[in-house]
Amino acid sequence: MLQALHDAMREALTKTSEKVSEKTSEKIINALDHNHVMTIAELAKTLGLSTRSIERNLQKLQKEGRLRRIGPQKGGYWEVVQ
């Protein structure tokens, strides 16, 4: 019985985490769509998130093919792929 409750709680937390991540990803996409030269620090400050959270979401968006980095880390920009 306790194991079933534990499993149900873990599943609910995973779903919540996925929803938050999706919302965060959309916020990042929208921000970069308006200003493609924003830095990770600027995104974090604008969205009220940690830089690490922004980095994780940027990596996820790149793997999904929704975002691409053009140019070097300094002087480059983000391209939102639609």
PDB file of N, CA and C in Angstrom:
ATOM      1  N   MET A   1       0.819  -1.198   0.000  1.00  0.00           N
ATOM      2  CA  MET A   1       0.000   0.000   0.000  1.00  0.00           C
ATOM      3  C   MET A   1       0.861   1.261   0.000  1.00  0.00           C
ATOM      4  N   LEU A   2       1.871   1.290   0.869  1.00  0.00           N
ATOM      5  CA  LEU A   2       2.761   2.447   0.904  1.00  0.00           C
ATOM      6  C   LEU A   2       3.538   2.592  -0.398  1.00  0.00           C
ATOM      7  N   GLN A   3       3.927   1.475  -0.968  1.00  0.00           N
ATOM      8  CA  GLN A   3       4.668   1.526  -2.233  1.00  0.00           C
ATOM      9  C   GLN A   3       3.806   2.120  -3.346  1.00  0.00           C
ATOM     10  N   ALA A   4       2.530   1.755  -3.373  1.00  0.00           N
ATOM     11  CA  ALA A   4       1.621   2.287  -4.392  1.00  0.00           C
ATOM     12  C   ALA A   4       1.462   3.801  -4.227  1.00  0.00           C
ATOM     13  N   LEU A   5       1.347   4.254  -2.987  1.00  0.00           N
ATOM     14  CA  LEU A   5       1.237   5.685  -2.714  1.00  0.00           C
ATOM     15  C   LEU A   5       2.520   6.406  -3.130  1.00  0.00           C
ATOM     16  N   HIS A   6       3.654   5.814  -2.806  1.00  0.00           N
ATOM     17  CA  HIS A   6       4.953   6.375  -3.165  1.00  0.00           C
ATOM     18  C   HIS A   6       5.080   6.490  -4.684  1.00  0.00           C
ATOM     19  N   ASP A   7       4.680   5.449  -5.402  1.00  0.00           N
ATOM     20  CA  ASP A   7       4.744   5.459  -6.865  1.00  0.00           C
ATOM     21  C   ASP A   7       3.820   6.525  -7.460  1.00  0.00           C
ATOM     22  N   ALA A   8       2.633   6.662  -6.891  1.00  0.00           N
ATOM     23  CA  ALA A   8       1.674   7.653  -7.376  1.00  0.00           C
ATOM     24  C   ALA A   8       2.208   9.069  -7.165  1.00  0.00           C
ATOM     25  N   MET A   9       2.835   9.305  -6.019  1.00  0.00           N
ATOM     26  CA  MET A   9       3.413  10.621  -5.731  1.00  0.00           C
ATOM     27  C   MET A   9       4.565  10.925  -6.683  1.00  0.00           C
ATOM     28  N   ARG A  10       5.394   9.932  -6.944  1.00  0.00           N
ATOM     29  CA  ARG A  10       6.525  10.125  -7.848  1.00  0.00           C
ATOM     30  C   ARG A  10       6.027  10.457  -9.256  1.00  0.00           C
ATOM     31  N   GLU A  11       4.980   9.764  -9.705  1.00  0.00           N
ATOM     32  CA  GLU A  11       4.418  10.012 -11.034  1.00  0.00           C
ATOM     33  C   GLU A  11       3.829  11.422 -11.115  1.00  0.00           C
ATOM     34  N   ALA A  12       3.144  11.855 -10.071  1.00  0.00           N
ATOM     35  CA  ALA A  12       2.559  13.196 -10.059  1.00  0.00           C
ATOM     36  C   ALA A  12       3.652  14.261 -10.100  1.00  0.00           C
ATOM     37  N   LEU A  13       4.729  14.062  -9.364  1.00  0.00           N
ATOM     38  CA  LEU A  13       5.834  15.016  -9.371  1.00  0.00           C
ATOM     39  C   LEU A  13       6.520  15.070 -10.727  1.00  0.00           C
ATOM     40  N   THR A  14       6.660  13.928 -11.370  1.00  0.00           N
ATOM     41  CA  THR A  14       7.276  13.886 -12.694  1.00  0.00           C
ATOM     42  C   THR A  14       6.424  14.650 -13.694  1.00  0.00           C
ATOM     43  N   LYS A  15       5.109  14.450 -13.658  1.00  0.00           N
ATOM     44  CA  LYS A  15       4.214  15.156 -14.578  1.00  0.00           C
ATOM     45  C   LYS A  15       4.265  16.659 -14.326  1.00  0.00           C
ATOM     46  N   THR A  16       4.286  17.069 -13.059  1.00  0.00           N
ATOM     47  CA  THR A  16       4.370  18.489 -12.719  1.00  0.00           C
ATOM     48  C   THR A  16       5.667  19.079 -13.220  1.00  0.00           C
ATOM     49  N   SER A  17       6.759  18.361 -13.038  1.00  0.00           N
ATOM     50  CA  SER A  17       8.065  18.821 -13.498  1.00  0.00           C
ATOM     51  C   SER A  17       8.087  18.994 -15.007  1.00  0.00           C
ATOM     52  N   GLU A  18       7.483  18.053 -15.729  1.00  0.00           N
ATOM     53  CA  GLU A  18       7.432  18.134 -17.188  1.00  0.00           C
ATOM     54  C   GLU A  18       6.619  19.342 -17.641  1.00  0.00           C
ATOM     55  N   LYS A  19       5.495  19.615 -16.955  1.00  0.00           N
ATOM     56  CA  LYS A  19       4.661  20.761 -17.310  1.00  0.00           C
ATOM     57  C   LYS A  19       5.406  22.066 -17.072  1.00  0.00           C
ATOM     58  N   VAL A  20       6.100  22.173 -15.954  1.00  0.00           N
ATOM     59  CA  VAL A  20       6.867  23.380 -15.647  1.00  0.00           C
ATOM     60  C   VAL A  20       7.964  23.570 -16.676  1.00  0.00           C
ATOM     61  N   SER A  21       8.631  22.481 -17.043  1.00  0.00           N
ATOM     62  CA  SER A  21       9.697  22.559 -18.034  1.00  0.00           C
ATOM     63  C   SER A  21       9.157  23.012 -19.387  1.00  0.00           C
ATOM     64  N   GLU A  22       7.977  22.519 -19.759  1.00  0.00           N
ATOM     65  CA  GLU A  22       7.362  22.928 -21.024  1.00  0.00           C
ATOM     66  C   GLU A  22       7.046  24.417 -21.005  1.00  0.00           C
ATOM     67  N   LYS A  23       6.501  24.893 -19.901  1.00  0.00           N
ATOM     68  CA  LYS A  23       6.185  26.311 -19.783  1.00  0.00           C
ATOM     69  C   LYS A  23       7.455  27.142 -19.846  1.00  0.00           C
ATOM     70  N   THR A  24       8.493  26.690 -19.156  1.00  0.00           N
ATOM     71  CA  THR A  24       9.765  27.393 -19.166  1.00  0.00           C
ATOM     72  C   THR A  24      10.341  27.426 -20.568  1.00  0.00           C
ATOM     73  N   SER A  25      10.284  26.323 -21.264  1.00  0.00           N
ATOM     74  CA  SER A  25      10.790  26.264 -22.631  1.00  0.00           C
ATOM     75  C   SER A  25      10.060  27.257 -23.524  1.00  0.00           C
ATOM     76  N   GLU A  26       8.748  27.331 -23.381  1.00  0.00           N
ATOM     77  CA  GLU A  26       7.964  28.271 -24.189  1.00  0.00           C
ATOM     78  C   GLU A  26       8.330  29.715 -23.853  1.00  0.00           C
ATOM     79  N   LYS A  27       8.554  30.006 -22.585  1.00  0.00           N
ATOM     80  CA  LYS A  27       8.956  31.353 -22.188  1.00  0.00           C
ATOM     81  C   LYS A  27      10.312  31.711 -22.794  1.00  0.00           C
ATOM     82  N   ILE A  28      11.229  30.760 -22.801  1.00  0.00           N
ATOM     83  CA  ILE A  28      12.554  30.986 -23.384  1.00  0.00           C
ATOM     84  C   ILE A  28      12.422  31.240 -24.879  1.00  0.00           C
ATOM     85  N   ILE A  29      11.639  30.416 -25.564  1.00  0.00           N
ATOM     86  CA  ILE A  29      11.427  30.578 -27.008  1.00  0.00           C
ATOM     87  C   ILE A  29      10.849  31.965 -27.298  1.00  0.00           C
ATOM     88  N   ASN A  30       9.850  32.370 -26.533  1.00  0.00           N
ATOM     89  CA  ASN A  30       9.226  33.676 -26.748  1.00  0.00           C
ATOM     90  C   ASN A  30      10.216  34.811 -26.515  1.00  0.00           C
ATOM     91  N   ALA A  31      11.004  34.706 -25.461  1.00  0.00           N
ATOM     92  CA  ALA A  31      11.985  35.751 -25.159  1.00  0.00           C
ATOM     93  C   ALA A  31      13.027  35.848 -26.266  1.00  0.00           C
ATOM     94  N   LEU A  32      13.508  34.704 -26.734  1.00  0.00           N
ATOM     95  CA  LEU A  32      14.535  34.709 -27.778  1.00  0.00           C
ATOM     96  C   LEU A  32      13.964  35.084 -29.140  1.00  0.00           C
ATOM     97  N   ASP A  33      12.685  34.872 -29.329  1.00  0.00           N
ATOM     98  CA  ASP A  33      12.029  35.285 -30.564  1.00  0.00           C
ATOM     99  C   ASP A  33      11.995  36.818 -30.660  1.00  0.00           C
ATOM    100  N   HIS A  34      11.904  37.477 -29.503  1.00  0.00           N
ATOM    101  CA  HIS A  34      11.871  38.940 -29.460  1.00  0.00           C
ATOM    102  C   HIS A  34      13.268  39.548 -29.433  1.00  0.00           C
ATOM    103  N   ASN A  35      14.228  38.838 -28.831  1.00  0.00           N
ATOM    104  CA  ASN A  35      15.595  39.353 -28.721  1.00  0.00           C
ATOM    105  C   ASN A  35      16.556  38.175 -28.790  1.00  0.00           C
ATOM    106  N   HIS A  36      17.030  37.844 -29.981  1.00  0.00           N
ATOM    107  CA  HIS A  36      17.823  36.635 -30.190  1.00  0.00           C
ATOM    108  C   HIS A  36      19.259  36.724 -29.675  1.00  0.00           C
ATOM    109  N   VAL A  37      19.671  37.866 -29.157  1.00  0.00           N
ATOM    110  CA  VAL A  37      21.034  37.989 -28.634  1.00  0.00           C
ATOM    111  C   VAL A  37      21.078  37.967 -27.101  1.00  0.00           C
ATOM    112  N   MET A  38      19.976  37.611 -26.462  1.00  0.00           N
ATOM    113  CA  MET A  38      19.953  37.542 -24.994  1.00  0.00           C
ATOM    114  C   MET A  38      20.939  36.497 -24.494  1.00  0.00           C
ATOM    115  N   THR A  39      21.589  36.834 -23.392  1.00  0.00           N
ATOM    116  CA  THR A  39      22.511  35.895 -22.766  1.00  0.00           C
ATOM    117  C   THR A  39      21.746  35.008 -21.780  1.00  0.00           C
ATOM    118  N   ILE A  40      22.402  33.971 -21.315  1.00  0.00           N
ATOM    119  CA  ILE A  40      21.795  33.086 -20.319  1.00  0.00           C
ATOM    120  C   ILE A  40      21.460  33.876 -19.065  1.00  0.00           C
ATOM    121  N   ALA A  41      22.377  34.758 -18.656  1.00  0.00           N
ATOM    122  CA  ALA A  41      22.133  35.575 -17.460  1.00  0.00           C
ATOM    123  C   ALA A  41      20.928  36.497 -17.653  1.00  0.00           C
ATOM    124  N   GLU A  42      20.797  37.079 -18.834  1.00  0.00           N
ATOM    125  CA  GLU A  42      19.656  37.952 -19.111  1.00  0.00           C
ATOM    126  C   GLU A  42      18.348  37.165 -19.134  1.00  0.00           C
ATOM    127  N   LEU A  43      18.382  35.979 -19.725  1.00  0.00           N
ATOM    128  CA  LEU A  43      17.189  35.129 -19.723  1.00  0.00           C
ATOM    129  C   LEU A  43      16.793  34.765 -18.297  1.00  0.00           C
ATOM    130  N   ALA A  44      17.785  34.396 -17.486  1.00  0.00           N
ATOM    131  CA  ALA A  44      17.515  34.006 -16.096  1.00  0.00           C
ATOM    132  C   ALA A  44      16.882  35.162 -15.330  1.00  0.00           C
ATOM    133  N   LYS A  45      17.431  36.345 -15.490  1.00  0.00           N
ATOM    134  CA  LYS A  45      16.895  37.512 -14.782  1.00  0.00           C
ATOM    135  C   LYS A  45      15.493  37.853 -15.275  1.00  0.00           C
ATOM    136  N   THR A  46      15.301  37.840 -16.585  1.00  0.00           N
ATOM    137  CA  THR A  46      14.007  38.175 -17.176  1.00  0.00           C
ATOM    138  C   THR A  46      12.917  37.195 -16.753  1.00  0.00           C
ATOM    139  N   LEU A  47      13.259  35.908 -16.730  1.00  0.00           N
ATOM    140  CA  LEU A  47      12.258  34.878 -16.431  1.00  0.00           C
ATOM    141  C   LEU A  47      12.198  34.500 -14.954  1.00  0.00           C
ATOM    142  N   GLY A  48      13.117  35.043 -14.156  1.00  0.00           N
ATOM    143  CA  GLY A  48      13.119  34.748 -12.726  1.00  0.00           C
ATOM    144  C   GLY A  48      13.539  33.327 -12.413  1.00  0.00           C
ATOM    145  N   LEU A  49      14.498  32.805 -13.196  1.00  0.00           N
ATOM    146  CA  LEU A  49      14.982  31.436 -13.010  1.00  0.00           C
ATOM    147  C   LEU A  49      16.488  31.442 -12.773  1.00  0.00           C
ATOM    148  N   SER A  50      17.011  30.314 -12.376  1.00  0.00           N
ATOM    149  CA  SER A  50      18.456  30.195 -12.207  1.00  0.00           C
ATOM    150  C   SER A  50      19.124  30.036 -13.571  1.00  0.00           C
ATOM    151  N   THR A  51      20.391  30.396 -13.648  1.00  0.00           N
ATOM    152  CA  THR A  51      21.116  30.223 -14.903  1.00  0.00           C
ATOM    153  C   THR A  51      21.200  28.747 -15.262  1.00  0.00           C
ATOM    154  N   ARG A  52      21.325  27.892 -14.263  1.00  0.00           N
ATOM    155  CA  ARG A  52      21.398  26.445 -14.523  1.00  0.00           C
ATOM    156  C   ARG A  52      20.099  25.936 -15.152  1.00  0.00           C
ATOM    157  N   SER A  53      18.969  26.437 -14.684  1.00  0.00           N
ATOM    158  CA  SER A  53      17.678  26.040 -15.249  1.00  0.00           C
ATOM    159  C   SER A  53      17.594  26.478 -16.710  1.00  0.00           C
ATOM    160  N   ILE A  54      18.062  27.683 -16.997  1.00  0.00           N
ATOM    161  CA  ILE A  54      18.066  28.176 -18.375  1.00  0.00           C
ATOM    162  C   ILE A  54      18.967  27.298 -19.233  1.00  0.00           C
ATOM    163  N   GLU A  55      20.156  26.973 -18.735  1.00  0.00           N
ATOM    164  CA  GLU A  55      21.093  26.126 -19.488  1.00  0.00           C
ATOM    165  C   GLU A  55      20.474  24.774 -19.823  1.00  0.00           C
ATOM    166  N   ARG A  56      19.824  24.141 -18.838  1.00  0.00           N
ATOM    167  CA  ARG A  56      19.184  22.837 -19.065  1.00  0.00           C
ATOM    168  C   ARG A  56      18.109  22.937 -20.142  1.00  0.00           C
ATOM    169  N   ASN A  57      17.292  23.974 -20.052  1.00  0.00           N
ATOM    170  CA  ASN A  57      16.217  24.144 -21.021  1.00  0.00           C
ATOM    171  C   ASN A  57      16.750  24.471 -22.409  1.00  0.00           C
ATOM    172  N   LEU A  58      17.819  25.257 -22.495  1.00  0.00           N
ATOM    173  CA  LEU A  58      18.420  25.553 -23.794  1.00  0.00           C
ATOM    174  C   LEU A  58      18.955  24.277 -24.438  1.00  0.00           C
ATOM    175  N   GLN A  59      19.603  23.434 -23.641  1.00  0.00           N
ATOM    176  CA  GLN A  59      20.108  22.155 -24.161  1.00  0.00           C
ATOM    177  C   GLN A  59      18.958  21.296 -24.667  1.00  0.00           C
ATOM    178  N   LYS A  60      17.880  21.244 -23.905  1.00  0.00           N
ATOM    179  CA  LYS A  60      16.712  20.450 -24.297  1.00  0.00           C
ATOM    180  C   LYS A  60      16.119  20.981 -25.603  1.00  0.00           C
ATOM    181  N   LEU A  61      15.986  22.290 -25.704  1.00  0.00           N
ATOM    182  CA  LEU A  61      15.428  22.893 -26.909  1.00  0.00           C
ATOM    183  C   LEU A  61      16.322  22.652 -28.126  1.00  0.00           C
ATOM    184  N   GLN A  62      17.638  22.656 -27.926  1.00  0.00           N
ATOM    185  CA  GLN A  62      18.551  22.372 -29.025  1.00  0.00           C
ATOM    186  C   GLN A  62      18.429  20.916 -29.473  1.00  0.00           C
ATOM    187  N   LYS A  63      18.338  19.994 -28.510  1.00  0.00           N
ATOM    188  CA  LYS A  63      18.184  18.579 -28.846  1.00  0.00           C
ATOM    189  C   LYS A  63      16.884  18.321 -29.589  1.00  0.00           C
ATOM    190  N   GLU A  64      15.842  19.062 -29.238  1.00  0.00           N
ATOM    191  CA  GLU A  64      14.539  18.915 -29.898  1.00  0.00           C
ATOM    192  C   GLU A  64      14.516  19.588 -31.271  1.00  0.00           C
ATOM    193  N   GLY A  65      15.555  20.352 -31.584  1.00  0.00           N
ATOM    194  CA  GLY A  65      15.619  21.040 -32.865  1.00  0.00           C
ATOM    195  C   GLY A  65      14.792  22.310 -32.925  1.00  0.00           C
ATOM    196  N   ARG A  66      14.400  22.834 -31.779  1.00  0.00           N
ATOM    197  CA  ARG A  66      13.571  24.040 -31.736  1.00  0.00           C
ATOM    198  C   ARG A  66      14.402  25.311 -31.622  1.00  0.00           C
ATOM    199  N   LEU A  67      15.698  25.142 -31.312  1.00  0.00           N
ATOM    200  CA  LEU A  67      16.575  26.283 -31.085  1.00  0.00           C
ATOM    201  C   LEU A  67      17.959  25.929 -31.596  1.00  0.00           C
ATOM    202  N   ARG A  68      18.631  26.927 -32.183  1.00  0.00           N
ATOM    203  CA  ARG A  68      19.966  26.682 -32.718  1.00  0.00           C
ATOM    204  C   ARG A  68      20.855  27.871 -32.361  1.00  0.00           C
ATOM    205  N   ARG A  69      22.086  27.574 -31.982  1.00  0.00           N
ATOM    206  CA  ARG A  69      23.056  28.621 -31.684  1.00  0.00           C
ATOM    207  C   ARG A  69      23.832  28.922 -32.959  1.00  0.00           C
ATOM    208  N   ILE A  70      23.872  30.194 -33.349  1.00  0.00           N
ATOM    209  CA  ILE A  70      24.588  30.636 -34.527  1.00  0.00           C
ATOM    210  C   ILE A  70      25.787  31.462 -34.060  1.00  0.00           C
ATOM    211  N   GLY A  71      26.976  31.080 -34.510  1.00  0.00           N
ATOM    212  CA  GLY A  71      28.174  31.819 -34.148  1.00  0.00           C
ATOM    213  C   GLY A  71      28.746  31.381 -32.812  1.00  0.00           C
ATOM    214  N   PRO A  72      29.781  32.099 -32.364  1.00  0.00           N
ATOM    215  CA  PRO A  72      30.469  31.732 -31.120  1.00  0.00           C
ATOM    216  C   PRO A  72      29.653  32.107 -29.883  1.00  0.00           C
ATOM    217  N   GLN A  73      30.120  31.630 -28.721  1.00  0.00           N
ATOM    218  CA  GLN A  73      29.428  31.960 -27.472  1.00  0.00           C
ATOM    219  C   GLN A  73      29.395  33.470 -27.248  1.00  0.00           C
ATOM    220  N   LYS A  74      30.495  34.125 -27.537  1.00  0.00           N
ATOM    221  CA  LYS A  74      30.527  35.586 -27.436  1.00  0.00           C
ATOM    222  C   LYS A  74      30.369  36.148 -28.834  1.00  0.00           C
ATOM    223  N   GLY A  75      29.310  36.891 -29.038  1.00  0.00           N
ATOM    224  CA  GLY A  75      29.098  37.487 -30.352  1.00  0.00           C
ATOM    225  C   GLY A  75      28.106  36.720 -31.216  1.00  0.00           C
ATOM    226  N   GLY A  76      27.684  35.537 -30.767  1.00  0.00           N
ATOM    227  CA  GLY A  76      26.707  34.761 -31.515  1.00  0.00           C
ATOM    228  C   GLY A  76      25.292  35.127 -31.109  1.00  0.00           C
ATOM    229  N   TYR A  77      24.339  34.376 -31.625  1.00  0.00           N
ATOM    230  CA  TYR A  77      22.940  34.618 -31.281  1.00  0.00           C
ATOM    231  C   TYR A  77      22.151  33.317 -31.395  1.00  0.00           C
ATOM    232  N   TRP A  78      20.921  33.364 -30.880  1.00  0.00           N
ATOM    233  CA  TRP A  78      20.039  32.213 -30.911  1.00  0.00           C
ATOM    234  C   TRP A  78      19.068  32.336 -32.067  1.00  0.00           C
ATOM    235  N   GLU A  79      18.862  31.244 -32.759  1.00  0.00           N
ATOM    236  CA  GLU A  79      17.866  31.197 -33.841  1.00  0.00           C
ATOM    237  C   GLU A  79      16.746  30.256 -33.414  1.00  0.00           C
ATOM    238  N   VAL A  80      15.537  30.792 -33.384  1.00  0.00           N
ATOM    239  CA  VAL A  80      14.371  29.981 -33.048  1.00  0.00           C
ATOM    240  C   VAL A  80      13.924  29.287 -34.325  1.00  0.00           C
ATOM    241  N   VAL A  81      13.854  27.959 -34.274  1.00  0.00           N
ATOM    242  CA  VAL A  81      13.454  27.154 -35.435  1.00  0.00           C
ATOM    243  C   VAL A  81      11.971  26.862 -35.302  1.00  0.00           C
ATOM    244  N   GLN A  82      11.197  27.277 -36.285  1.00  0.00           N
ATOM    245  CA  GLN A  82       9.743  27.077 -36.224  1.00  0.00           C
ATOM    246  C   GLN A  82       9.324  25.841 -36.974  1.00  0.00           C
TER     247      GLN A  82
END
